[in-house]
Amino acid sequence: MSIHDVEIGALTGGPANLAQYRGKAVLIVNVASKCGLTPQYAALEKLHEQYAPRGFTVLGVPCNQFMGQEPGTPEEIASFCSTTYGVTFPMTEKTDVNGDDRHPLYKELVETPDAEGYTGDIRWNFEKFLIHPDGTVAARFSPQTEPDSPEVTAAIEKALAA
């Protein structure tokens, strides 16, 4: 699968146009504003700023499936992210990542194993998928893995060097 062919809306309306990421590495993260892991937004933004000049972006995917921790409207989500964490990376529309209404993007992503071999449903907010510049999944990281951890940054470096 190539994420470049998946259709998904942008948080602010209209298409998110994943085709624009052809040739770029992308870290896709299901995010939430009222989660214990929400402070990861700061590290995600730092990664985005650090690696953007080399062809990298973070793509936030708001999801309200985990204890209702992303209840806001698109405007509330955008405002929270920008004013609280200075988020400048793109965000998609609020999306289901598990269950019968799982978005097609996540139907493909969940088949990728993480370092421990886990595949299947998204476990919690802030699960991360690194997408290779060719649109294939390069790596999966658990929600508890910090965005700026050595394993994530090493995987980004490897994807950008390819």
N, C-alpha and C. Protein backbone atom coordinates (compact mmCIF):
# COMPACT_ATOMS: atom_id res chain seq x y z
N MET A 1 0.83 -1.19 0.00
CA MET A 1 0.00 0.00 0.00
C MET A 1 0.86 1.24 0.00
N SER A 2 0.41 2.28 -0.65
CA SER A 2 1.04 3.59 -0.59
C SER A 2 0.03 4.54 0.03
N ILE A 3 0.46 5.26 1.05
CA ILE A 3 -0.47 6.22 1.66
C ILE A 3 -0.84 7.31 0.68
N HIS A 4 -0.03 7.49 -0.34
CA HIS A 4 -0.26 8.57 -1.30
C HIS A 4 -1.58 8.40 -2.05
N ASP A 5 -2.11 7.19 -2.08
CA ASP A 5 -3.35 6.91 -2.82
C ASP A 5 -4.60 6.93 -1.93
N VAL A 6 -4.43 7.13 -0.63
CA VAL A 6 -5.56 7.10 0.30
C VAL A 6 -6.22 8.48 0.36
N GLU A 7 -7.52 8.48 0.34
CA GLU A 7 -8.26 9.73 0.47
C GLU A 7 -8.70 9.92 1.91
N ILE A 8 -8.38 11.09 2.45
CA ILE A 8 -8.79 11.46 3.80
C ILE A 8 -8.93 12.97 3.84
N GLY A 9 -9.86 13.46 4.65
CA GLY A 9 -10.08 14.89 4.72
C GLY A 9 -9.06 15.58 5.64
N ALA A 10 -8.88 16.85 5.40
CA ALA A 10 -8.04 17.68 6.27
C ALA A 10 -8.86 18.17 7.45
N LEU A 11 -8.21 18.48 8.54
CA LEU A 11 -8.91 18.95 9.74
C LEU A 11 -9.73 20.20 9.44
N THR A 12 -9.20 21.07 8.61
CA THR A 12 -9.87 22.34 8.32
C THR A 12 -10.83 22.26 7.15
N GLY A 13 -11.05 21.05 6.63
CA GLY A 13 -11.96 20.87 5.51
C GLY A 13 -11.21 20.61 4.22
N GLY A 14 -11.90 20.02 3.27
CA GLY A 14 -11.28 19.66 2.00
C GLY A 14 -10.40 18.44 2.15
N PRO A 15 -9.77 18.03 1.06
CA PRO A 15 -8.92 16.84 1.13
C PRO A 15 -7.57 17.13 1.77
N ALA A 16 -7.03 16.12 2.45
CA ALA A 16 -5.69 16.26 3.04
C ALA A 16 -4.61 16.05 1.97
N ASN A 17 -4.98 15.48 0.81
CA ASN A 17 -4.07 15.30 -0.32
C ASN A 17 -2.76 14.63 0.07
N LEU A 18 -2.84 13.35 0.43
CA LEU A 18 -1.65 12.62 0.85
C LEU A 18 -0.65 12.44 -0.29
N ALA A 19 -1.09 12.64 -1.53
CA ALA A 19 -0.17 12.53 -2.68
C ALA A 19 0.94 13.57 -2.59
N GLN A 20 0.70 14.66 -1.87
CA GLN A 20 1.73 15.70 -1.74
C GLN A 20 2.96 15.20 -0.96
N TYR A 21 2.83 14.05 -0.30
CA TYR A 21 3.95 13.52 0.50
C TYR A 21 4.79 12.51 -0.28
N ARG A 22 4.52 12.32 -1.57
CA ARG A 22 5.39 11.45 -2.38
C ARG A 22 6.82 11.97 -2.27
N GLY A 23 7.74 11.06 -1.99
CA GLY A 23 9.14 11.45 -1.87
C GLY A 23 9.52 12.00 -0.51
N LYS A 24 8.58 12.02 0.43
CA LYS A 24 8.85 12.51 1.78
C LYS A 24 8.60 11.40 2.79
N ALA A 25 9.32 11.45 3.90
CA ALA A 25 9.03 10.56 5.01
C ALA A 25 7.95 11.22 5.87
N VAL A 26 7.01 10.42 6.36
CA VAL A 26 5.89 10.95 7.13
C VAL A 26 5.71 10.11 8.39
N LEU A 27 5.55 10.78 9.52
CA LEU A 27 5.23 10.09 10.77
C LEU A 27 3.75 10.33 11.03
N ILE A 28 2.93 9.29 10.86
CA ILE A 28 1.49 9.37 11.08
C ILE A 28 1.21 9.00 12.53
N VAL A 29 0.48 9.87 13.23
CA VAL A 29 0.23 9.68 14.66
C VAL A 29 -1.23 9.96 14.95
N ASN A 30 -1.93 8.99 15.57
CA ASN A 30 -3.30 9.28 16.01
C ASN A 30 -3.19 10.07 17.32
N VAL A 31 -3.78 11.24 17.33
CA VAL A 31 -3.59 12.20 18.42
C VAL A 31 -4.89 12.48 19.16
N ALA A 32 -4.74 13.02 20.37
CA ALA A 32 -5.89 13.41 21.19
C ALA A 32 -5.46 14.53 22.13
N SER A 33 -6.37 15.44 22.39
CA SER A 33 -6.07 16.64 23.18
C SER A 33 -6.19 16.45 24.69
N LYS A 34 -6.88 15.40 25.13
CA LYS A 34 -7.14 15.23 26.56
C LYS A 34 -6.62 13.89 27.09
N CYS A 35 -5.42 13.53 26.66
CA CYS A 35 -4.82 12.24 26.99
C CYS A 35 -3.57 12.49 27.82
N GLY A 36 -3.20 11.52 28.64
CA GLY A 36 -1.97 11.62 29.39
C GLY A 36 -0.74 11.72 28.51
N LEU A 37 -0.86 11.27 27.25
CA LEU A 37 0.26 11.34 26.32
C LEU A 37 0.24 12.60 25.46
N THR A 38 -0.75 13.46 25.66
CA THR A 38 -0.88 14.68 24.86
C THR A 38 0.39 15.54 24.84
N PRO A 39 1.19 15.59 25.92
CA PRO A 39 2.43 16.37 25.84
C PRO A 39 3.39 15.91 24.74
N GLN A 40 3.16 14.73 24.14
CA GLN A 40 3.98 14.31 23.01
C GLN A 40 3.87 15.27 21.83
N TYR A 41 2.81 16.08 21.80
CA TYR A 41 2.67 17.08 20.74
C TYR A 41 3.93 17.94 20.65
N ALA A 42 4.53 18.30 21.78
CA ALA A 42 5.72 19.16 21.78
C ALA A 42 6.88 18.49 21.04
N ALA A 43 7.13 17.22 21.34
CA ALA A 43 8.21 16.50 20.67
C ALA A 43 7.88 16.26 19.19
N LEU A 44 6.61 16.02 18.88
CA LEU A 44 6.22 15.84 17.48
C LEU A 44 6.48 17.11 16.68
N GLU A 45 6.14 18.25 17.26
CA GLU A 45 6.39 19.52 16.58
C GLU A 45 7.89 19.76 16.40
N LYS A 46 8.67 19.42 17.41
CA LYS A 46 10.12 19.58 17.32
C LYS A 46 10.69 18.71 16.19
N LEU A 47 10.24 17.46 16.10
CA LEU A 47 10.66 16.58 15.01
C LEU A 47 10.29 17.17 13.65
N HIS A 48 9.06 17.66 13.57
CA HIS A 48 8.57 18.24 12.33
C HIS A 48 9.48 19.40 11.90
N GLU A 49 9.78 20.29 12.83
CA GLU A 49 10.62 21.44 12.51
C GLU A 49 12.05 21.02 12.16
N GLN A 50 12.59 20.07 12.90
CA GLN A 50 13.97 19.63 12.70
C GLN A 50 14.18 18.96 11.34
N TYR A 51 13.25 18.09 10.95
CA TYR A 51 13.46 17.29 9.75
C TYR A 51 12.72 17.80 8.51
N ALA A 52 11.85 18.78 8.64
CA ALA A 52 11.10 19.28 7.48
C ALA A 52 12.00 19.72 6.33
N PRO A 53 13.11 20.40 6.60
CA PRO A 53 13.97 20.81 5.49
C PRO A 53 14.56 19.63 4.69
N ARG A 54 14.54 18.45 5.28
CA ARG A 54 15.08 17.26 4.61
C ARG A 54 13.99 16.39 3.97
N GLY A 55 12.75 16.86 3.97
CA GLY A 55 11.68 16.11 3.33
C GLY A 55 10.90 15.23 4.27
N PHE A 56 10.53 15.76 5.42
CA PHE A 56 9.82 15.00 6.45
C PHE A 56 8.65 15.83 6.96
N THR A 57 7.59 15.15 7.35
CA THR A 57 6.49 15.81 8.05
C THR A 57 5.86 14.85 9.04
N VAL A 58 5.28 15.43 10.06
CA VAL A 58 4.39 14.70 10.97
C VAL A 58 2.99 14.92 10.43
N LEU A 59 2.15 13.91 10.49
CA LEU A 59 0.75 14.03 10.10
C LEU A 59 -0.09 13.57 11.28
N GLY A 60 -0.78 14.50 11.92
CA GLY A 60 -1.64 14.18 13.05
C GLY A 60 -3.01 13.72 12.59
N VAL A 61 -3.51 12.66 13.23
CA VAL A 61 -4.82 12.10 12.90
C VAL A 61 -5.66 12.09 14.18
N PRO A 62 -6.44 13.14 14.42
CA PRO A 62 -7.26 13.16 15.63
C PRO A 62 -8.22 11.98 15.68
N CYS A 63 -8.36 11.40 16.87
CA CYS A 63 -9.22 10.24 17.06
C CYS A 63 -9.86 10.32 18.44
N ASN A 64 -11.16 10.06 18.49
CA ASN A 64 -11.91 10.14 19.74
C ASN A 64 -12.34 8.76 20.25
N GLN A 65 -11.66 7.70 19.81
CA GLN A 65 -12.07 6.35 20.16
C GLN A 65 -11.53 5.84 21.49
N PHE A 66 -10.63 6.56 22.12
CA PHE A 66 -10.02 6.10 23.36
C PHE A 66 -10.50 6.96 24.51
N MET A 67 -11.54 6.48 25.19
CA MET A 67 -12.14 7.17 26.34
C MET A 67 -12.56 8.61 26.03
N GLY A 68 -12.94 8.87 24.78
CA GLY A 68 -13.44 10.19 24.40
C GLY A 68 -12.44 11.31 24.62
N GLN A 69 -11.16 11.04 24.38
CA GLN A 69 -10.12 12.02 24.71
C GLN A 69 -9.85 13.04 23.60
N GLU A 70 -10.64 12.99 22.53
CA GLU A 70 -10.57 14.03 21.49
C GLU A 70 -11.98 14.44 21.12
N PRO A 71 -12.68 15.11 22.07
CA PRO A 71 -14.09 15.43 21.85
C PRO A 71 -14.34 16.69 21.03
N GLY A 72 -13.33 17.48 20.77
CA GLY A 72 -13.52 18.80 20.18
C GLY A 72 -13.94 18.81 18.73
N THR A 73 -14.39 19.98 18.32
CA THR A 73 -14.69 20.24 16.91
C THR A 73 -13.36 20.45 16.19
N PRO A 74 -13.36 20.42 14.87
CA PRO A 74 -12.11 20.70 14.16
C PRO A 74 -11.47 22.03 14.57
N GLU A 75 -12.29 23.04 14.76
CA GLU A 75 -11.77 24.36 15.15
C GLU A 75 -11.15 24.31 16.55
N GLU A 76 -11.81 23.59 17.47
CA GLU A 76 -11.27 23.47 18.83
C GLU A 76 -9.97 22.69 18.84
N ILE A 77 -9.90 21.63 18.06
CA ILE A 77 -8.67 20.83 17.98
C ILE A 77 -7.53 21.68 17.42
N ALA A 78 -7.78 22.37 16.32
CA ALA A 78 -6.75 23.20 15.70
C ALA A 78 -6.28 24.29 16.65
N SER A 79 -7.21 24.93 17.34
CA SER A 79 -6.86 25.99 18.28
C SER A 79 -6.04 25.45 19.44
N PHE A 80 -6.47 24.34 20.03
CA PHE A 80 -5.74 23.73 21.14
C PHE A 80 -4.31 23.41 20.73
N CYS A 81 -4.16 22.75 19.58
CA CYS A 81 -2.83 22.31 19.14
C CYS A 81 -1.90 23.49 18.86
N SER A 82 -2.43 24.52 18.23
CA SER A 82 -1.56 25.65 17.89
C SER A 82 -1.24 26.52 19.10
N THR A 83 -2.23 26.78 19.96
CA THR A 83 -1.96 27.66 21.09
C THR A 83 -1.25 26.97 22.24
N THR A 84 -1.51 25.69 22.46
CA THR A 84 -0.90 24.98 23.58
C THR A 84 0.48 24.43 23.24
N TYR A 85 0.63 23.91 22.02
CA TYR A 85 1.89 23.24 21.66
C TYR A 85 2.58 23.84 20.43
N GLY A 86 2.02 24.89 19.86
CA GLY A 86 2.65 25.51 18.70
C GLY A 86 2.69 24.62 17.47
N VAL A 87 1.72 23.72 17.37
CA VAL A 87 1.71 22.74 16.27
C VAL A 87 1.54 23.45 14.93
N THR A 88 2.46 23.12 14.01
CA THR A 88 2.37 23.62 12.64
C THR A 88 2.23 22.49 11.63
N PHE A 89 2.42 21.23 12.09
CA PHE A 89 2.31 20.11 11.14
C PHE A 89 0.85 19.89 10.75
N PRO A 90 0.62 19.27 9.59
CA PRO A 90 -0.75 19.06 9.12
C PRO A 90 -1.52 18.06 9.96
N MET A 91 -2.84 18.22 9.94
CA MET A 91 -3.75 17.34 10.67
C MET A 91 -4.88 16.93 9.72
N THR A 92 -5.33 15.69 9.89
CA THR A 92 -6.46 15.21 9.12
C THR A 92 -7.75 15.45 9.90
N GLU A 93 -8.85 15.12 9.27
CA GLU A 93 -10.14 15.12 9.95
C GLU A 93 -10.12 14.10 11.08
N LYS A 94 -11.02 14.24 12.04
CA LYS A 94 -11.15 13.25 13.12
C LYS A 94 -11.54 11.92 12.48
N THR A 95 -10.85 10.85 12.88
CA THR A 95 -10.93 9.58 12.17
C THR A 95 -11.02 8.41 13.14
N ASP A 96 -11.76 7.37 12.75
CA ASP A 96 -11.75 6.12 13.51
C ASP A 96 -10.55 5.29 13.05
N VAL A 97 -9.79 4.80 14.03
CA VAL A 97 -8.60 4.00 13.73
C VAL A 97 -8.82 2.51 14.01
N ASN A 98 -9.90 2.18 14.70
CA ASN A 98 -10.26 0.80 15.04
C ASN A 98 -11.74 0.58 14.74
N GLY A 99 -12.14 -0.68 14.73
CA GLY A 99 -13.56 -1.01 14.63
C GLY A 99 -14.10 -1.05 13.21
N ASP A 100 -15.41 -1.20 13.13
CA ASP A 100 -16.09 -1.35 11.84
C ASP A 100 -15.92 -0.13 10.95
N ASP A 101 -15.76 1.05 11.54
CA ASP A 101 -15.62 2.27 10.75
C ASP A 101 -14.17 2.72 10.62
N ARG A 102 -13.23 1.79 10.86
CA ARG A 102 -11.81 2.11 10.73
C ARG A 102 -11.54 2.71 9.35
N HIS A 103 -10.82 3.82 9.33
CA HIS A 103 -10.49 4.48 8.07
C HIS A 103 -9.59 3.58 7.23
N PRO A 104 -9.73 3.58 5.90
CA PRO A 104 -8.89 2.76 5.03
C PRO A 104 -7.38 2.95 5.28
N LEU A 105 -6.96 4.13 5.65
CA LEU A 105 -5.55 4.35 5.95
C LEU A 105 -5.10 3.42 7.07
N TYR A 106 -5.90 3.33 8.12
CA TYR A 106 -5.54 2.50 9.26
C TYR A 106 -5.76 1.02 9.00
N LYS A 107 -6.63 0.66 8.06
CA LYS A 107 -6.80 -0.75 7.70
C LYS A 107 -5.47 -1.32 7.22
N GLU A 108 -4.69 -0.52 6.53
CA GLU A 108 -3.38 -0.96 6.04
C GLU A 108 -2.31 -0.81 7.12
N LEU A 109 -2.32 0.29 7.84
CA LEU A 109 -1.27 0.55 8.82
C LEU A 109 -1.20 -0.51 9.91
N VAL A 110 -2.36 -0.98 10.39
CA VAL A 110 -2.37 -1.89 11.53
C VAL A 110 -1.76 -3.26 11.23
N GLU A 111 -1.51 -3.56 9.97
CA GLU A 111 -0.88 -4.83 9.61
C GLU A 111 0.62 -4.81 9.85
N THR A 112 1.19 -3.65 10.08
CA THR A 112 2.64 -3.51 10.28
C THR A 112 3.00 -3.82 11.73
N PRO A 113 3.98 -4.70 11.95
CA PRO A 113 4.39 -5.00 13.32
C PRO A 113 5.32 -3.93 13.89
N ASP A 114 5.24 -3.74 15.21
CA ASP A 114 6.20 -2.86 15.87
C ASP A 114 7.44 -3.69 16.23
N ALA A 115 8.37 -3.11 16.97
CA ALA A 115 9.63 -3.79 17.31
C ALA A 115 9.40 -5.08 18.10
N GLU A 116 8.30 -5.16 18.85
CA GLU A 116 7.98 -6.36 19.63
C GLU A 116 7.15 -7.36 18.85
N GLY A 117 6.82 -7.02 17.60
CA GLY A 117 6.04 -7.93 16.77
C GLY A 117 4.54 -7.73 16.84
N TYR A 118 4.08 -6.70 17.56
CA TYR A 118 2.64 -6.46 17.69
C TYR A 118 2.06 -5.95 16.38
N THR A 119 0.97 -6.57 15.94
CA THR A 119 0.17 -6.07 14.83
C THR A 119 -1.27 -6.02 15.30
N GLY A 120 -2.10 -5.35 14.55
CA GLY A 120 -3.52 -5.30 14.89
C GLY A 120 -3.94 -3.93 15.37
N ASP A 121 -5.05 -3.91 16.11
CA ASP A 121 -5.67 -2.66 16.51
C ASP A 121 -4.69 -1.67 17.13
N ILE A 122 -5.02 -0.41 16.90
CA ILE A 122 -4.29 0.68 17.56
C ILE A 122 -4.57 0.54 19.05
N ARG A 123 -3.52 0.60 19.86
CA ARG A 123 -3.66 0.34 21.30
C ARG A 123 -4.11 1.56 22.08
N TRP A 124 -3.72 2.75 21.65
CA TRP A 124 -4.07 3.96 22.39
C TRP A 124 -3.71 5.17 21.54
N ASN A 125 -4.00 6.34 22.04
CA ASN A 125 -3.60 7.58 21.37
C ASN A 125 -2.08 7.63 21.24
N PHE A 126 -1.61 8.26 20.19
CA PHE A 126 -0.19 8.52 19.95
C PHE A 126 0.60 7.28 19.50
N GLU A 127 -0.09 6.32 18.88
CA GLU A 127 0.63 5.24 18.20
C GLU A 127 1.18 5.85 16.91
N LYS A 128 2.40 5.47 16.55
CA LYS A 128 3.12 6.14 15.47
C LYS A 128 3.49 5.17 14.35
N PHE A 129 3.35 5.64 13.11
CA PHE A 129 3.75 4.87 11.93
C PHE A 129 4.64 5.75 11.07
N LEU A 130 5.85 5.28 10.81
CA LEU A 130 6.74 6.00 9.92
C LEU A 130 6.54 5.49 8.51
N ILE A 131 6.26 6.41 7.61
CA ILE A 131 6.04 6.08 6.21
C ILE A 131 7.29 6.43 5.41
N HIS A 132 7.76 5.49 4.64
CA HIS A 132 8.92 5.67 3.77
C HIS A 132 8.55 6.66 2.65
N PRO A 133 9.52 7.35 2.08
CA PRO A 133 9.20 8.27 0.99
C PRO A 133 8.46 7.64 -0.20
N ASP A 134 8.55 6.30 -0.36
CA ASP A 134 7.81 5.65 -1.44
C ASP A 134 6.36 5.34 -1.07
N GLY A 135 5.96 5.69 0.17
CA GLY A 135 4.58 5.51 0.59
C GLY A 135 4.31 4.22 1.33
N THR A 136 5.31 3.38 1.53
CA THR A 136 5.14 2.15 2.28
C THR A 136 5.46 2.39 3.76
N VAL A 137 4.94 1.51 4.61
CA VAL A 137 5.17 1.64 6.05
C VAL A 137 6.58 1.15 6.38
N ALA A 138 7.36 2.01 7.02
CA ALA A 138 8.74 1.66 7.38
C ALA A 138 8.84 1.13 8.80
N ALA A 139 8.00 1.65 9.72
CA ALA A 139 8.11 1.24 11.12
C ALA A 139 6.84 1.63 11.87
N ARG A 140 6.62 0.92 12.98
CA ARG A 140 5.50 1.20 13.88
C ARG A 140 6.06 1.33 15.29
N PHE A 141 5.53 2.30 16.04
CA PHE A 141 6.00 2.55 17.40
C PHE A 141 4.80 2.65 18.35
N SER A 142 4.96 2.09 19.53
CA SER A 142 3.87 2.08 20.51
C SER A 142 3.55 3.49 20.97
N PRO A 143 2.36 3.68 21.54
CA PRO A 143 1.99 5.00 22.04
C PRO A 143 2.97 5.56 23.08
N GLN A 144 3.54 4.70 23.90
CA GLN A 144 4.43 5.15 24.95
C GLN A 144 5.82 5.53 24.44
N THR A 145 6.16 5.14 23.22
CA THR A 145 7.45 5.51 22.66
C THR A 145 7.44 7.00 22.37
N GLU A 146 8.36 7.72 22.99
CA GLU A 146 8.43 9.17 22.80
C GLU A 146 8.83 9.48 21.35
N PRO A 147 8.23 10.51 20.76
CA PRO A 147 8.55 10.84 19.36
C PRO A 147 10.03 11.14 19.12
N ASP A 148 10.72 11.66 20.13
CA ASP A 148 12.13 12.01 19.96
C ASP A 148 13.07 10.93 20.53
N SER A 149 12.54 9.73 20.74
CA SER A 149 13.36 8.63 21.25
C SER A 149 14.39 8.22 20.20
N PRO A 150 15.48 7.61 20.64
CA PRO A 150 16.51 7.19 19.68
C PRO A 150 15.99 6.26 18.58
N GLU A 151 15.06 5.35 18.92
CA GLU A 151 14.57 4.43 17.90
C GLU A 151 13.74 5.15 16.83
N VAL A 152 12.98 6.16 17.22
CA VAL A 152 12.19 6.90 16.24
C VAL A 152 13.10 7.78 15.38
N THR A 153 13.99 8.52 16.01
CA THR A 153 14.87 9.40 15.23
C THR A 153 15.79 8.59 14.30
N ALA A 154 16.27 7.43 14.75
CA ALA A 154 17.10 6.59 13.88
C ALA A 154 16.30 6.10 12.67
N ALA A 155 15.05 5.73 12.89
CA ALA A 155 14.20 5.28 11.78
C ALA A 155 13.93 6.42 10.80
N ILE A 156 13.71 7.62 11.31
CA ILE A 156 13.51 8.79 10.44
C ILE A 156 14.77 9.04 9.62
N GLU A 157 15.92 9.03 10.28
CA GLU A 157 17.19 9.24 9.56
C GLU A 157 17.36 8.21 8.45
N LYS A 158 17.06 6.95 8.75
CA LYS A 158 17.21 5.89 7.76
C LYS A 158 16.26 6.12 6.58
N ALA A 159 15.02 6.49 6.87
CA ALA A 159 14.04 6.74 5.80
C ALA A 159 14.47 7.92 4.94
N LEU A 160 15.01 8.94 5.55
CA LEU A 160 15.42 10.12 4.80
C LEU A 160 16.69 9.87 3.97
N ALA A 161 17.49 8.90 4.38
CA ALA A 161 18.72 8.57 3.65
C ALA A 161 18.46 7.65 2.46
N ALA A 162 17.28 7.06 2.42
CA ALA A 162 16.98 6.09 1.36
C ALA A 162 16.83 6.77 0.01
